[in-house]
Amino acid sequence: MKKHIYDEKNGLSYTLHGDYYLPDLVINEEEPIYGKYGMLRKQFLKEHRPVRYQYLLMTGKLTAHLNAVGREAREQVEILMKQMSKQQVVTEELKIKNQMEWVEKMNNIKSAMEEIVLKIIYS
């Protein structure tokens, strides 16, 4: 028996393992670097969009999708935080004068911006 065969009907190649030919299947996925927002998106897809989740998983596009959502969400949070800190006059000067007030304001800004960005994840 041949070690490797190719089936022209379905376009798959097979390798002999013991007495059986098993298909040579490979999933080409990116390195998972999605972080917090990607994990939230993954959980959302699993629970609320199971068909889309299964499609992305089976086609090997899930990691790329989660990486893109994670990257987009992080960028949006950074941009919105910079804009909001300028608008609320949260400066390095305030940080030097009153560190606790600066931390409080920055945490409030970050929480508000994350609320906005979660709409990207949960859509």
PDB file of N, CA and C in Angstrom:
ATOM      1  N   MET A   1       0.835  -1.182   0.000  1.00  0.00           N
ATOM      2  CA  MET A   1       0.000   0.000   0.000  1.00  0.00           C
ATOM      3  C   MET A   1       0.879   1.243   0.000  1.00  0.00           C
ATOM      4  N   LYS A   2       0.433   2.265  -0.725  1.00  0.00           N
ATOM      5  CA  LYS A   2       1.180   3.513  -0.794  1.00  0.00           C
ATOM      6  C   LYS A   2       1.079   4.264   0.532  1.00  0.00           C
ATOM      7  N   LYS A   3       2.144   4.976   0.876  1.00  0.00           N
ATOM      8  CA  LYS A   3       2.153   5.766   2.111  1.00  0.00           C
ATOM      9  C   LYS A   3       1.283   7.022   1.966  1.00  0.00           C
ATOM     10  N   HIS A   4       1.317   7.658   0.785  1.00  0.00           N
ATOM     11  CA  HIS A   4       0.544   8.872   0.532  1.00  0.00           C
ATOM     12  C   HIS A   4      -0.283   8.691  -0.735  1.00  0.00           C
ATOM     13  N   ILE A   5      -1.538   9.142  -0.687  1.00  0.00           N
ATOM     14  CA  ILE A   5      -2.382   9.130  -1.884  1.00  0.00           C
ATOM     15  C   ILE A   5      -3.097  10.468  -1.994  1.00  0.00           C
ATOM     16  N   TYR A   6      -3.565  10.782  -3.211  1.00  0.00           N
ATOM     17  CA  TYR A   6      -4.297  12.028  -3.460  1.00  0.00           C
ATOM     18  C   TYR A   6      -5.624  11.681  -4.110  1.00  0.00           C
ATOM     19  N   ASP A   7      -6.712  12.200  -3.581  1.00  0.00           N
ATOM     20  CA  ASP A   7      -8.042  11.960  -4.123  1.00  0.00           C
ATOM     21  C   ASP A   7      -8.450  13.174  -4.954  1.00  0.00           C
ATOM     22  N   GLU A   8      -8.558  13.008  -6.257  1.00  0.00           N
ATOM     23  CA  GLU A   8      -8.888  14.118  -7.142  1.00  0.00           C
ATOM     24  C   GLU A   8     -10.345  14.548  -7.001  1.00  0.00           C
ATOM     25  N   LYS A   9     -11.209  13.673  -6.520  1.00  0.00           N
ATOM     26  CA  LYS A   9     -12.630  14.010  -6.364  1.00  0.00           C
ATOM     27  C   LYS A   9     -12.836  15.121  -5.330  1.00  0.00           C
ATOM     28  N   ASN A  10     -12.168  15.013  -4.198  1.00  0.00           N
ATOM     29  CA  ASN A  10     -12.355  16.010  -3.140  1.00  0.00           C
ATOM     30  C   ASN A  10     -11.137  16.917  -2.951  1.00  0.00           C
ATOM     31  N   GLY A  11     -10.045  16.650  -3.639  1.00  0.00           N
ATOM     32  CA  GLY A  11      -8.865  17.507  -3.568  1.00  0.00           C
ATOM     33  C   GLY A  11      -8.041  17.345  -2.307  1.00  0.00           C
ATOM     34  N   LEU A  12      -8.209  16.220  -1.593  1.00  0.00           N
ATOM     35  CA  LEU A  12      -7.459  15.993  -0.357  1.00  0.00           C
ATOM     36  C   LEU A  12      -6.389  14.936  -0.559  1.00  0.00           C
ATOM     37  N   SER A  13      -5.298  15.095   0.176  1.00  0.00           N
ATOM     38  CA  SER A  13      -4.271  14.054   0.189  1.00  0.00           C
ATOM     39  C   SER A  13      -4.382  13.291   1.503  1.00  0.00           C
ATOM     40  N   TYR A  14      -4.000  12.039   1.465  1.00  0.00           N
ATOM     41  CA  TYR A  14      -4.130  11.155   2.621  1.00  0.00           C
ATOM     42  C   TYR A  14      -2.802  10.479   2.904  1.00  0.00           C
ATOM     43  N   THR A  15      -2.574  10.167   4.176  1.00  0.00           N
ATOM     44  CA  THR A  15      -1.371   9.452   4.605  1.00  0.00           C
ATOM     45  C   THR A  15      -1.799   8.181   5.318  1.00  0.00           C
ATOM     46  N   LEU A  16      -1.078   7.110   5.052  1.00  0.00           N
ATOM     47  CA  LEU A  16      -1.377   5.814   5.652  1.00  0.00           C
ATOM     48  C   LEU A  16      -0.895   5.791   7.102  1.00  0.00           C
ATOM     49  N   HIS A  17      -1.817   5.506   8.023  1.00  0.00           N
ATOM     50  CA  HIS A  17      -1.504   5.347   9.440  1.00  0.00           C
ATOM     51  C   HIS A  17      -2.038   3.983   9.850  1.00  0.00           C
ATOM     52  N   GLY A  18      -1.150   3.018  10.013  1.00  0.00           N
ATOM     53  CA  GLY A  18      -1.594   1.654  10.314  1.00  0.00           C
ATOM     54  C   GLY A  18      -2.311   1.090   9.109  1.00  0.00           C
ATOM     55  N   ASP A  19      -3.568   0.727   9.279  1.00  0.00           N
ATOM     56  CA  ASP A  19      -4.370   0.182   8.184  1.00  0.00           C
ATOM     57  C   ASP A  19      -5.288   1.224   7.549  1.00  0.00           C
ATOM     58  N   TYR A  20      -5.233   2.473   7.996  1.00  0.00           N
ATOM     59  CA  TYR A  20      -6.190   3.471   7.542  1.00  0.00           C
ATOM     60  C   TYR A  20      -5.483   4.669   6.912  1.00  0.00           C
ATOM     61  N   TYR A  21      -6.146   5.234   5.908  1.00  0.00           N
ATOM     62  CA  TYR A  21      -5.693   6.490   5.324  1.00  0.00           C
ATOM     63  C   TYR A  21      -6.435   7.638   6.020  1.00  0.00           C
ATOM     64  N   LEU A  22      -5.667   8.546   6.585  1.00  0.00           N
ATOM     65  CA  LEU A  22      -6.236   9.705   7.257  1.00  0.00           C
ATOM     66  C   LEU A  22      -5.913  10.962   6.444  1.00  0.00           C
ATOM     67  N   PRO A  23      -6.859  11.903   6.348  1.00  0.00           N
ATOM     68  CA  PRO A  23      -6.613  13.108   5.549  1.00  0.00           C
ATOM     69  C   PRO A  23      -5.536  13.986   6.183  1.00  0.00           C
ATOM     70  N   ASP A  24      -4.757  14.619   5.320  1.00  0.00           N
ATOM     71  CA  ASP A  24      -3.716  15.549   5.766  1.00  0.00           C
ATOM     72  C   ASP A  24      -4.350  16.932   5.885  1.00  0.00           C
ATOM     73  N   LEU A  25      -4.877  17.233   7.065  1.00  0.00           N
ATOM     74  CA  LEU A  25      -5.540  18.509   7.297  1.00  0.00           C
ATOM     75  C   LEU A  25      -4.643  19.413   8.124  1.00  0.00           C
ATOM     76  N   VAL A  26      -4.553  20.672   7.710  1.00  0.00           N
ATOM     77  CA  VAL A  26      -3.732  21.647   8.411  1.00  0.00           C
ATOM     78  C   VAL A  26      -4.533  22.931   8.541  1.00  0.00           C
ATOM     79  N   ILE A  27      -4.569  23.490   9.728  1.00  0.00           N
ATOM     80  CA  ILE A  27      -5.219  24.772   9.939  1.00  0.00           C
ATOM     81  C   ILE A  27      -4.128  25.826   9.990  1.00  0.00           C
ATOM     82  N   ASN A  28      -4.244  26.794   9.097  1.00  0.00           N
ATOM     83  CA  ASN A  28      -3.281  27.898   9.065  1.00  0.00           C
ATOM     84  C   ASN A  28      -3.842  29.049   9.887  1.00  0.00           C
ATOM     85  N   GLU A  29      -3.327  29.205  11.094  1.00  0.00           N
ATOM     86  CA  GLU A  29      -3.797  30.260  11.973  1.00  0.00           C
ATOM     87  C   GLU A  29      -2.654  31.171  12.361  1.00  0.00           C
ATOM     88  N   GLU A  30      -3.034  32.398  12.670  1.00  0.00           N
ATOM     89  CA  GLU A  30      -2.068  33.359  13.180  1.00  0.00           C
ATOM     90  C   GLU A  30      -1.734  33.027  14.631  1.00  0.00           C
ATOM     91  N   GLU A  31      -0.698  33.677  15.105  1.00  0.00           N
ATOM     92  CA  GLU A  31      -0.334  33.580  16.522  1.00  0.00           C
ATOM     93  C   GLU A  31      -1.383  34.326  17.340  1.00  0.00           C
ATOM     94  N   PRO A  32      -1.956  33.718  18.390  1.00  0.00           N
ATOM     95  CA  PRO A  32      -2.963  34.433  19.184  1.00  0.00           C
ATOM     96  C   PRO A  32      -2.331  35.522  20.050  1.00  0.00           C
ATOM     97  N   ILE A  33      -2.649  36.774  19.723  1.00  0.00           N
ATOM     98  CA  ILE A  33      -2.118  37.924  20.474  1.00  0.00           C
ATOM     99  C   ILE A  33      -3.239  38.872  20.877  1.00  0.00           C
ATOM    100  N   TYR A  34      -4.465  38.376  20.941  1.00  0.00           N
ATOM    101  CA  TYR A  34      -5.622  39.248  21.064  1.00  0.00           C
ATOM    102  C   TYR A  34      -5.862  39.829  22.450  1.00  0.00           C
ATOM    103  N   GLY A  35      -5.399  39.254  23.515  1.00  0.00           N
ATOM    104  CA  GLY A  35      -5.525  39.832  24.852  1.00  0.00           C
ATOM    105  C   GLY A  35      -6.946  39.877  25.384  1.00  0.00           C
ATOM    106  N   LYS A  36      -7.179  40.838  26.261  1.00  0.00           N
ATOM    107  CA  LYS A  36      -8.442  40.965  26.994  1.00  0.00           C
ATOM    108  C   LYS A  36      -9.641  41.120  26.058  1.00  0.00           C
ATOM    109  N   TYR A  37      -9.555  42.040  25.109  1.00  0.00           N
ATOM    110  CA  TYR A  37     -10.690  42.321  24.242  1.00  0.00           C
ATOM    111  C   TYR A  37     -10.972  41.157  23.291  1.00  0.00           C
ATOM    112  N   GLY A  38      -9.946  40.502  22.829  1.00  0.00           N
ATOM    113  CA  GLY A  38     -10.139  39.330  21.982  1.00  0.00           C
ATOM    114  C   GLY A  38     -10.792  38.194  22.740  1.00  0.00           C
ATOM    115  N   MET A  39     -10.403  38.017  23.997  1.00  0.00           N
ATOM    116  CA  MET A  39     -11.023  36.964  24.817  1.00  0.00           C
ATOM    117  C   MET A  39     -12.500  37.271  25.076  1.00  0.00           C
ATOM    118  N   LEU A  40     -12.810  38.546  25.318  1.00  0.00           N
ATOM    119  CA  LEU A  40     -14.207  38.936  25.505  1.00  0.00           C
ATOM    120  C   LEU A  40     -15.013  38.672  24.231  1.00  0.00           C
ATOM    121  N   ARG A  41     -14.436  38.985  23.076  1.00  0.00           N
ATOM    122  CA  ARG A  41     -15.104  38.748  21.799  1.00  0.00           C
ATOM    123  C   ARG A  41     -15.324  37.253  21.573  1.00  0.00           C
ATOM    124  N   LYS A  42     -14.317  36.459  21.907  1.00  0.00           N
ATOM    125  CA  LYS A  42     -14.425  35.008  21.740  1.00  0.00           C
ATOM    126  C   LYS A  42     -15.561  34.455  22.596  1.00  0.00           C
ATOM    127  N   GLN A  43     -15.630  34.883  23.836  1.00  0.00           N
ATOM    128  CA  GLN A  43     -16.692  34.432  24.739  1.00  0.00           C
ATOM    129  C   GLN A  43     -18.064  34.867  24.224  1.00  0.00           C
ATOM    130  N   PHE A  44     -18.148  36.108  23.717  1.00  0.00           N
ATOM    131  CA  PHE A  44     -19.401  36.607  23.161  1.00  0.00           C
ATOM    132  C   PHE A  44     -19.834  35.759  21.963  1.00  0.00           C
ATOM    133  N   LEU A  45     -18.895  35.468  21.070  1.00  0.00           N
ATOM    134  CA  LEU A  45     -19.231  34.660  19.902  1.00  0.00           C
ATOM    135  C   LEU A  45     -19.702  33.266  20.307  1.00  0.00           C
ATOM    136  N   LYS A  46     -19.009  32.659  21.268  1.00  0.00           N
ATOM    137  CA  LYS A  46     -19.398  31.320  21.727  1.00  0.00           C
ATOM    138  C   LYS A  46     -20.818  31.299  22.273  1.00  0.00           C
ATOM    139  N   GLU A  47     -21.153  32.296  23.078  1.00  0.00           N
ATOM    140  CA  GLU A  47     -22.442  32.307  23.769  1.00  0.00           C
ATOM    141  C   GLU A  47     -23.592  32.839  22.915  1.00  0.00           C
ATOM    142  N   HIS A  48     -23.330  33.884  22.123  1.00  0.00           N
ATOM    143  CA  HIS A  48     -24.424  34.573  21.443  1.00  0.00           C
ATOM    144  C   HIS A  48     -24.420  34.438  19.923  1.00  0.00           C
ATOM    145  N   ARG A  49     -23.307  34.047  19.338  1.00  0.00           N
ATOM    146  CA  ARG A  49     -23.211  33.857  17.893  1.00  0.00           C
ATOM    147  C   ARG A  49     -22.504  32.528  17.591  1.00  0.00           C
ATOM    148  N   PRO A  50     -23.081  31.408  18.050  1.00  0.00           N
ATOM    149  CA  PRO A  50     -22.390  30.121  17.914  1.00  0.00           C
ATOM    150  C   PRO A  50     -22.130  29.699  16.464  1.00  0.00           C
ATOM    151  N   VAL A  51     -23.017  30.065  15.551  1.00  0.00           N
ATOM    152  CA  VAL A  51     -22.806  29.685  14.148  1.00  0.00           C
ATOM    153  C   VAL A  51     -21.608  30.429  13.580  1.00  0.00           C
ATOM    154  N   ARG A  52     -21.531  31.722  13.838  1.00  0.00           N
ATOM    155  CA  ARG A  52     -20.380  32.510  13.366  1.00  0.00           C
ATOM    156  C   ARG A  52     -19.089  32.009  14.016  1.00  0.00           C
ATOM    157  N   TYR A  53     -19.150  31.709  15.293  1.00  0.00           N
ATOM    158  CA  TYR A  53     -17.985  31.181  16.000  1.00  0.00           C
ATOM    159  C   TYR A  53     -17.505  29.880  15.343  1.00  0.00           C
ATOM    160  N   GLN A  54     -18.427  28.961  15.094  1.00  0.00           N
ATOM    161  CA  GLN A  54     -18.061  27.681  14.481  1.00  0.00           C
ATOM    162  C   GLN A  54     -17.494  27.876  13.074  1.00  0.00           C
ATOM    163  N   TYR A  55     -18.093  28.807  12.324  1.00  0.00           N
ATOM    164  CA  TYR A  55     -17.601  29.083  10.973  1.00  0.00           C
ATOM    165  C   TYR A  55     -16.161  29.594  11.024  1.00  0.00           C
ATOM    166  N   LEU A  56     -15.913  30.589  11.889  1.00  0.00           N
ATOM    167  CA  LEU A  56     -14.557  31.142  12.003  1.00  0.00           C
ATOM    168  C   LEU A  56     -13.570  30.081  12.479  1.00  0.00           C
ATOM    169  N   LEU A  57     -14.004  29.238  13.403  1.00  0.00           N
ATOM    170  CA  LEU A  57     -13.143  28.186  13.930  1.00  0.00           C
ATOM    171  C   LEU A  57     -12.810  27.155  12.861  1.00  0.00           C
ATOM    172  N   MET A  58     -13.824  26.721  12.121  1.00  0.00           N
ATOM    173  CA  MET A  58     -13.621  25.662  11.121  1.00  0.00           C
ATOM    174  C   MET A  58     -12.844  26.146   9.899  1.00  0.00           C
ATOM    175  N   THR A  59     -12.946  27.431   9.577  1.00  0.00           N
ATOM    176  CA  THR A  59     -12.213  27.954   8.424  1.00  0.00           C
ATOM    177  C   THR A  59     -10.812  28.432   8.799  1.00  0.00           C
ATOM    178  N   GLY A  60     -10.488  28.395  10.093  1.00  0.00           N
ATOM    179  CA  GLY A  60      -9.155  28.818  10.531  1.00  0.00           C
ATOM    180  C   GLY A  60      -9.006  30.327  10.615  1.00  0.00           C
ATOM    181  N   LYS A  61     -10.112  31.052  10.641  1.00  0.00           N
ATOM    182  CA  LYS A  61     -10.065  32.514  10.667  1.00  0.00           C
ATOM    183  C   LYS A  61     -10.353  33.097  12.048  1.00  0.00           C
ATOM    184  N   LEU A  62     -10.591  32.253  13.032  1.00  0.00           N
ATOM    185  CA  LEU A  62     -10.969  32.739  14.360  1.00  0.00           C
ATOM    186  C   LEU A  62      -9.862  33.572  14.991  1.00  0.00           C
ATOM    187  N   THR A  63      -8.653  33.071  15.000  1.00  0.00           N
ATOM    188  CA  THR A  63      -7.555  33.799  15.640  1.00  0.00           C
ATOM    189  C   THR A  63      -7.298  35.128  14.945  1.00  0.00           C
ATOM    190  N   ALA A  64      -7.340  35.137  13.619  1.00  0.00           N
ATOM    191  CA  ALA A  64      -7.143  36.389  12.880  1.00  0.00           C
ATOM    192  C   ALA A  64      -8.243  37.392  13.230  1.00  0.00           C
ATOM    193  N   HIS A  65      -9.467  36.910  13.341  1.00  0.00           N
ATOM    194  CA  HIS A  65     -10.596  37.774  13.699  1.00  0.00           C
ATOM    195  C   HIS A  65     -10.419  38.342  15.110  1.00  0.00           C
ATOM    196  N   LEU A  66     -10.061  37.477  16.053  1.00  0.00           N
ATOM    197  CA  LEU A  66      -9.878  37.927  17.443  1.00  0.00           C
ATOM    198  C   LEU A  66      -8.702  38.888  17.561  1.00  0.00           C
ATOM    199  N   ASN A  67      -7.623  38.633  16.815  1.00  0.00           N
ATOM    200  CA  ASN A  67      -6.483  39.554  16.814  1.00  0.00           C
ATOM    201  C   ASN A  67      -6.897  40.926  16.288  1.00  0.00           C
ATOM    202  N   ALA A  68      -7.683  40.946  15.199  1.00  0.00           N
ATOM    203  CA  ALA A  68      -8.122  42.210  14.610  1.00  0.00           C
ATOM    204  C   ALA A  68      -9.031  42.975  15.571  1.00  0.00           C
ATOM    205  N   VAL A  69      -9.984  42.282  16.186  1.00  0.00           N
ATOM    206  CA  VAL A  69     -10.888  42.934  17.138  1.00  0.00           C
ATOM    207  C   VAL A  69     -10.103  43.455  18.340  1.00  0.00           C
ATOM    208  N   GLY A  70      -9.192  42.653  18.859  1.00  0.00           N
ATOM    209  CA  GLY A  70      -8.369  43.073  20.006  1.00  0.00           C
ATOM    210  C   GLY A  70      -7.519  44.282  19.695  1.00  0.00           C
ATOM    211  N   ARG A  71      -6.885  44.273  18.515  1.00  0.00           N
ATOM    212  CA  ARG A  71      -6.037  45.393  18.107  1.00  0.00           C
ATOM    213  C   ARG A  71      -6.881  46.664  17.928  1.00  0.00           C
ATOM    214  N   GLU A  72      -8.024  46.536  17.258  1.00  0.00           N
ATOM    215  CA  GLU A  72      -8.897  47.684  17.035  1.00  0.00           C
ATOM    216  C   GLU A  72      -9.411  48.266  18.359  1.00  0.00           C
ATOM    217  N   ALA A  73      -9.805  47.407  19.273  1.00  0.00           N
ATOM    218  CA  ALA A  73     -10.316  47.861  20.566  1.00  0.00           C
ATOM    219  C   ALA A  73      -9.229  48.577  21.371  1.00  0.00           C
ATOM    220  N   ARG A  74      -8.023  48.008  21.401  1.00  0.00           N
ATOM    221  CA  ARG A  74      -6.918  48.663  22.136  1.00  0.00           C
ATOM    222  C   ARG A  74      -6.608  50.036  21.554  1.00  0.00           C
ATOM    223  N   GLU A  75      -6.564  50.118  20.220  1.00  0.00           N
ATOM    224  CA  GLU A  75      -6.278  51.395  19.574  1.00  0.00           C
ATOM    225  C   GLU A  75      -7.362  52.424  19.892  1.00  0.00           C
ATOM    226  N   GLN A  76      -8.610  52.002  19.864  1.00  0.00           N
ATOM    227  CA  GLN A  76      -9.707  52.912  20.167  1.00  0.00           C
ATOM    228  C   GLN A  76      -9.635  53.414  21.606  1.00  0.00           C
ATOM    229  N   VAL A  77      -9.339  52.523  22.552  1.00  0.00           N
ATOM    230  CA  VAL A  77      -9.222  52.938  23.950  1.00  0.00           C
ATOM    231  C   VAL A  77      -8.114  53.973  24.098  1.00  0.00           C
ATOM    232  N   GLU A  78      -6.960  53.736  23.468  1.00  0.00           N
ATOM    233  CA  GLU A  78      -5.844  54.683  23.575  1.00  0.00           C
ATOM    234  C   GLU A  78      -6.207  56.040  22.991  1.00  0.00           C
ATOM    235  N   ILE A  79      -6.809  56.033  21.808  1.00  0.00           N
ATOM    236  CA  ILE A  79      -7.178  57.289  21.155  1.00  0.00           C
ATOM    237  C   ILE A  79      -8.207  58.051  21.983  1.00  0.00           C
ATOM    238  N   LEU A  80      -9.232  57.351  22.429  1.00  0.00           N
ATOM    239  CA  LEU A  80     -10.284  57.999  23.202  1.00  0.00           C
ATOM    240  C   LEU A  80      -9.774  58.502  24.546  1.00  0.00           C
ATOM    241  N   MET A  81      -8.853  57.760  25.166  1.00  0.00           N
ATOM    242  CA  MET A  81      -8.292  58.210  26.452  1.00  0.00           C
ATOM    243  C   MET A  81      -7.493  59.494  26.271  1.00  0.00           C
ATOM    244  N   LYS A  82      -6.707  59.573  25.202  1.00  0.00           N
ATOM    245  CA  LYS A  82      -5.936  60.803  24.946  1.00  0.00           C
ATOM    246  C   LYS A  82      -6.866  61.988  24.731  1.00  0.00           C
ATOM    247  N   GLN A  83      -7.904  61.771  23.941  1.00  0.00           N
ATOM    248  CA  GLN A  83      -8.852  62.850  23.666  1.00  0.00           C
ATOM    249  C   GLN A  83      -9.575  63.298  24.935  1.00  0.00           C
ATOM    250  N   MET A  84     -10.014  62.337  25.706  1.00  0.00           N
ATOM    251  CA  MET A  84     -10.771  62.656  26.922  1.00  0.00           C
ATOM    252  C   MET A  84      -9.879  63.317  27.974  1.00  0.00           C
ATOM    253  N   SER A  85      -8.636  62.869  28.109  1.00  0.00           N
ATOM    254  CA  SER A  85      -7.746  63.480  29.103  1.00  0.00           C
ATOM    255  C   SER A  85      -7.428  64.921  28.726  1.00  0.00           C
ATOM    256  N   LYS A  86      -7.334  65.212  27.428  1.00  0.00           N
ATOM    257  CA  LYS A  86      -7.140  66.607  26.999  1.00  0.00           C
ATOM    258  C   LYS A  86      -8.381  67.432  27.309  1.00  0.00           C
ATOM    259  N   GLN A  87      -9.548  66.851  27.039  1.00  0.00           N
ATOM    260  CA  GLN A  87     -10.805  67.558  27.264  1.00  0.00           C
ATOM    261  C   GLN A  87     -11.023  67.861  28.743  1.00  0.00           C
ATOM    262  N   GLN A  88     -10.646  66.927  29.625  1.00  0.00           N
ATOM    263  CA  GLN A  88     -10.837  67.116  31.062  1.00  0.00           C
ATOM    264  C   GLN A  88      -9.614  67.723  31.739  1.00  0.00           C
ATOM    265  N   VAL A  89      -8.638  68.135  30.970  1.00  0.00           N
ATOM    266  CA  VAL A  89      -7.410  68.775  31.441  1.00  0.00           C
ATOM    267  C   VAL A  89      -6.718  67.920  32.509  1.00  0.00           C
ATOM    268  N   VAL A  90      -6.486  66.667  32.159  1.00  0.00           N
ATOM    269  CA  VAL A  90      -5.727  65.764  33.024  1.00  0.00           C
ATOM    270  C   VAL A  90      -4.319  65.728  32.429  1.00  0.00           C
ATOM    271  N   THR A  91      -3.413  66.489  33.035  1.00  0.00           N
ATOM    272  CA  THR A  91      -2.079  66.692  32.466  1.00  0.00           C
ATOM    273  C   THR A  91      -1.001  66.099  33.368  1.00  0.00           C
ATOM    274  N   GLU A  92       0.207  66.143  32.843  1.00  0.00           N
ATOM    275  CA  GLU A  92       1.370  65.716  33.627  1.00  0.00           C
ATOM    276  C   GLU A  92       1.582  66.670  34.813  1.00  0.00           C
ATOM    277  N   GLU A  93       1.189  67.898  34.629  1.00  0.00           N
ATOM    278  CA  GLU A  93       1.296  68.886  35.705  1.00  0.00           C
ATOM    279  C   GLU A  93       0.428  68.466  36.901  1.00  0.00           C
ATOM    280  N   LEU A  94      -0.797  68.016  36.603  1.00  0.00           N
ATOM    281  CA  LEU A  94      -1.689  67.524  37.656  1.00  0.00           C
ATOM    282  C   LEU A  94      -1.096  66.284  38.314  1.00  0.00           C
ATOM    283  N   LYS A  95      -0.467  65.448  37.504  1.00  0.00           N
ATOM    284  CA  LYS A  95       0.152  64.228  38.025  1.00  0.00           C
ATOM    285  C   LYS A  95       1.238  64.559  39.052  1.00  0.00           C
ATOM    286  N   ILE A  96       1.995  65.587  38.764  1.00  0.00           N
ATOM    287  CA  ILE A  96       3.073  66.001  39.680  1.00  0.00           C
ATOM    288  C   ILE A  96       2.494  66.632  40.948  1.00  0.00           C
ATOM    289  N   LYS A  97       1.483  67.470  40.784  1.00  0.00           N
ATOM    290  CA  LYS A  97       0.901  68.191  41.924  1.00  0.00           C
ATOM    291  C   LYS A  97       0.065  67.294  42.838  1.00  0.00           C
ATOM    292  N   ASN A  98      -0.818  66.509  42.222  1.00  0.00           N
ATOM    293  CA  ASN A  98      -1.736  65.695  43.011  1.00  0.00           C
ATOM    294  C   ASN A  98      -1.907  64.336  42.319  1.00  0.00           C
ATOM    295  N   GLN A  99      -1.037  63.433  42.686  1.00  0.00           N
ATOM    296  CA  GLN A  99      -0.989  62.136  42.016  1.00  0.00           C
ATOM    297  C   GLN A  99      -2.276  61.329  42.192  1.00  0.00           C
ATOM    298  N   MET A 100      -2.864  61.351  43.355  1.00  0.00           N
ATOM    299  CA  MET A 100      -4.076  60.569  43.611  1.00  0.00           C
ATOM    300  C   MET A 100      -5.256  61.082  42.776  1.00  0.00           C
ATOM    301  N   GLU A 101      -5.368  62.387  42.643  1.00  0.00           N
ATOM    302  CA  GLU A 101      -6.443  62.953  41.815  1.00  0.00           C
ATOM    303  C   GLU A 101      -6.241  62.558  40.350  1.00  0.00           C
ATOM    304  N   TRP A 102      -4.987  62.605  39.895  1.00  0.00           N
ATOM    305  CA  TRP A 102      -4.664  62.223  38.516  1.00  0.00           C
ATOM    306  C   TRP A 102      -5.033  60.760  38.264  1.00  0.00           C
ATOM    307  N   VAL A 103      -4.678  59.872  39.194  1.00  0.00           N
ATOM    308  CA  VAL A 103      -4.996  58.452  39.065  1.00  0.00           C
ATOM    309  C   VAL A 103      -6.508  58.249  39.032  1.00  0.00           C
ATOM    310  N   GLU A 104      -7.217  58.928  39.909  1.00  0.00           N
ATOM    311  CA  GLU A 104      -8.679  58.821  39.958  1.00  0.00           C
ATOM    312  C   GLU A 104      -9.302  59.233  38.628  1.00  0.00           C
ATOM    313  N   LYS A 105      -8.869  60.379  38.106  1.00  0.00           N
ATOM    314  CA  LYS A 105      -9.427  60.865  36.845  1.00  0.00           C
ATOM    315  C   LYS A 105      -9.079  59.939  35.678  1.00  0.00           C
ATOM    316  N   MET A 106      -7.848  59.455  35.641  1.00  0.00           N
ATOM    317  CA  MET A 106      -7.441  58.556  34.548  1.00  0.00           C
ATOM    318  C   MET A 106      -8.197  57.229  34.612  1.00  0.00           C
ATOM    319  N   ASN A 107      -8.421  56.715  35.802  1.00  0.00           N
ATOM    320  CA  ASN A 107      -9.201  55.478  35.941  1.00  0.00           C
ATOM    321  C   ASN A 107     -10.645  55.681  35.490  1.00  0.00           C
ATOM    322  N   ASN A 108     -11.226  56.826  35.834  1.00  0.00           N
ATOM    323  CA  ASN A 108     -12.585  57.138  35.382  1.00  0.00           C
ATOM    324  C   ASN A 108     -12.652  57.241  33.866  1.00  0.00           C
ATOM    325  N   ILE A 109     -11.670  57.897  33.291  1.00  0.00           N
ATOM    326  CA  ILE A 109     -11.622  58.040  31.833  1.00  0.00           C
ATOM    327  C   ILE A 109     -11.485  56.669  31.175  1.00  0.00           C
ATOM    328  N   LYS A 110     -10.592  55.854  31.706  1.00  0.00           N
ATOM    329  CA  LYS A 110     -10.383  54.528  31.112  1.00  0.00           C
ATOM    330  C   LYS A 110     -11.650  53.672  31.194  1.00  0.00           C
ATOM    331  N   SER A 111     -12.322  53.718  32.319  1.00  0.00           N
ATOM    332  CA  SER A 111     -13.565  52.953  32.466  1.00  0.00           C
ATOM    333  C   SER A 111     -14.615  53.412  31.466  1.00  0.00           C
ATOM    334  N   ALA A 112     -14.748  54.709  31.309  1.00  0.00           N
ATOM    335  CA  ALA A 112     -15.727  55.246  30.360  1.00  0.00           C
ATOM    336  C   ALA A 112     -15.382  54.859  28.930  1.00  0.00           C
ATOM    337  N   MET A 113     -14.115  54.910  28.590  1.00  0.00           N
ATOM    338  CA  MET A 113     -13.693  54.580  27.224  1.00  0.00           C
ATOM    339  C   MET A 113     -13.846  53.082  26.939  1.00  0.00           C
ATOM    340  N   GLU A 114     -13.600  52.260  27.945  1.00  0.00           N
ATOM    341  CA  GLU A 114     -13.779  50.822  27.760  1.00  0.00           C
ATOM    342  C   GLU A 114     -15.246  50.482  27.549  1.00  0.00           C
ATOM    343  N   GLU A 115     -16.146  51.215  28.200  1.00  0.00           N
ATOM    344  CA  GLU A 115     -17.586  51.012  27.988  1.00  0.00           C
ATOM    345  C   GLU A 115     -17.935  51.258  26.529  1.00  0.00           C
ATOM    346  N   ILE A 116     -17.370  52.311  25.963  1.00  0.00           N
ATOM    347  CA  ILE A 116     -17.629  52.643  24.558  1.00  0.00           C
ATOM    348  C   ILE A 116     -17.055  51.570  23.642  1.00  0.00           C
ATOM    349  N   VAL A 117     -15.856  51.129  23.925  1.00  0.00           N
ATOM    350  CA  VAL A 117     -15.179  50.154  23.075  1.00  0.00           C
ATOM    351  C   VAL A 117     -15.830  48.779  23.158  1.00  0.00           C
ATOM    352  N   LEU A 118     -16.470  48.462  24.250  1.00  0.00           N
ATOM    353  CA  LEU A 118     -17.127  47.152  24.366  1.00  0.00           C
ATOM    354  C   LEU A 118     -18.231  46.991  23.331  1.00  0.00           C
ATOM    355  N   LYS A 119     -18.744  48.098  22.797  1.00  0.00           N
ATOM    356  CA  LYS A 119     -19.737  48.017  21.731  1.00  0.00           C
ATOM    357  C   LYS A 119     -19.142  47.371  20.482  1.00  0.00           C
ATOM    358  N   ILE A 120     -17.850  47.578  20.247  1.00  0.00           N
ATOM    359  CA  ILE A 120     -17.171  46.929  19.116  1.00  0.00           C
ATOM    360  C   ILE A 120     -17.161  45.421  19.329  1.00  0.00           C
ATOM    361  N   ILE A 121     -16.878  45.016  20.541  1.00  0.00           N
ATOM    362  CA  ILE A 121     -16.747  43.596  20.854  1.00  0.00           C
ATOM    363  C   ILE A 121     -18.087  42.898  20.828  1.00  0.00           C
ATOM    364  N   TYR A 122     -19.112  43.555  21.332  1.00  0.00           N
ATOM    365  CA  TYR A 122     -20.424  42.924  21.441  1.00  0.00           C
ATOM    366  C   TYR A 122     -21.361  43.268  20.289  1.00  0.00           C
ATOM    367  N   SER A 123     -20.799  43.363  19.102  1.00  0.00           N
ATOM    368  CA  SER A 123     -21.652  43.597  17.928  1.00  0.00           C
ATOM    369  C   SER A 123     -21.403  42.551  16.866  1.00  0.00           C
TER     370      SER A 123
END
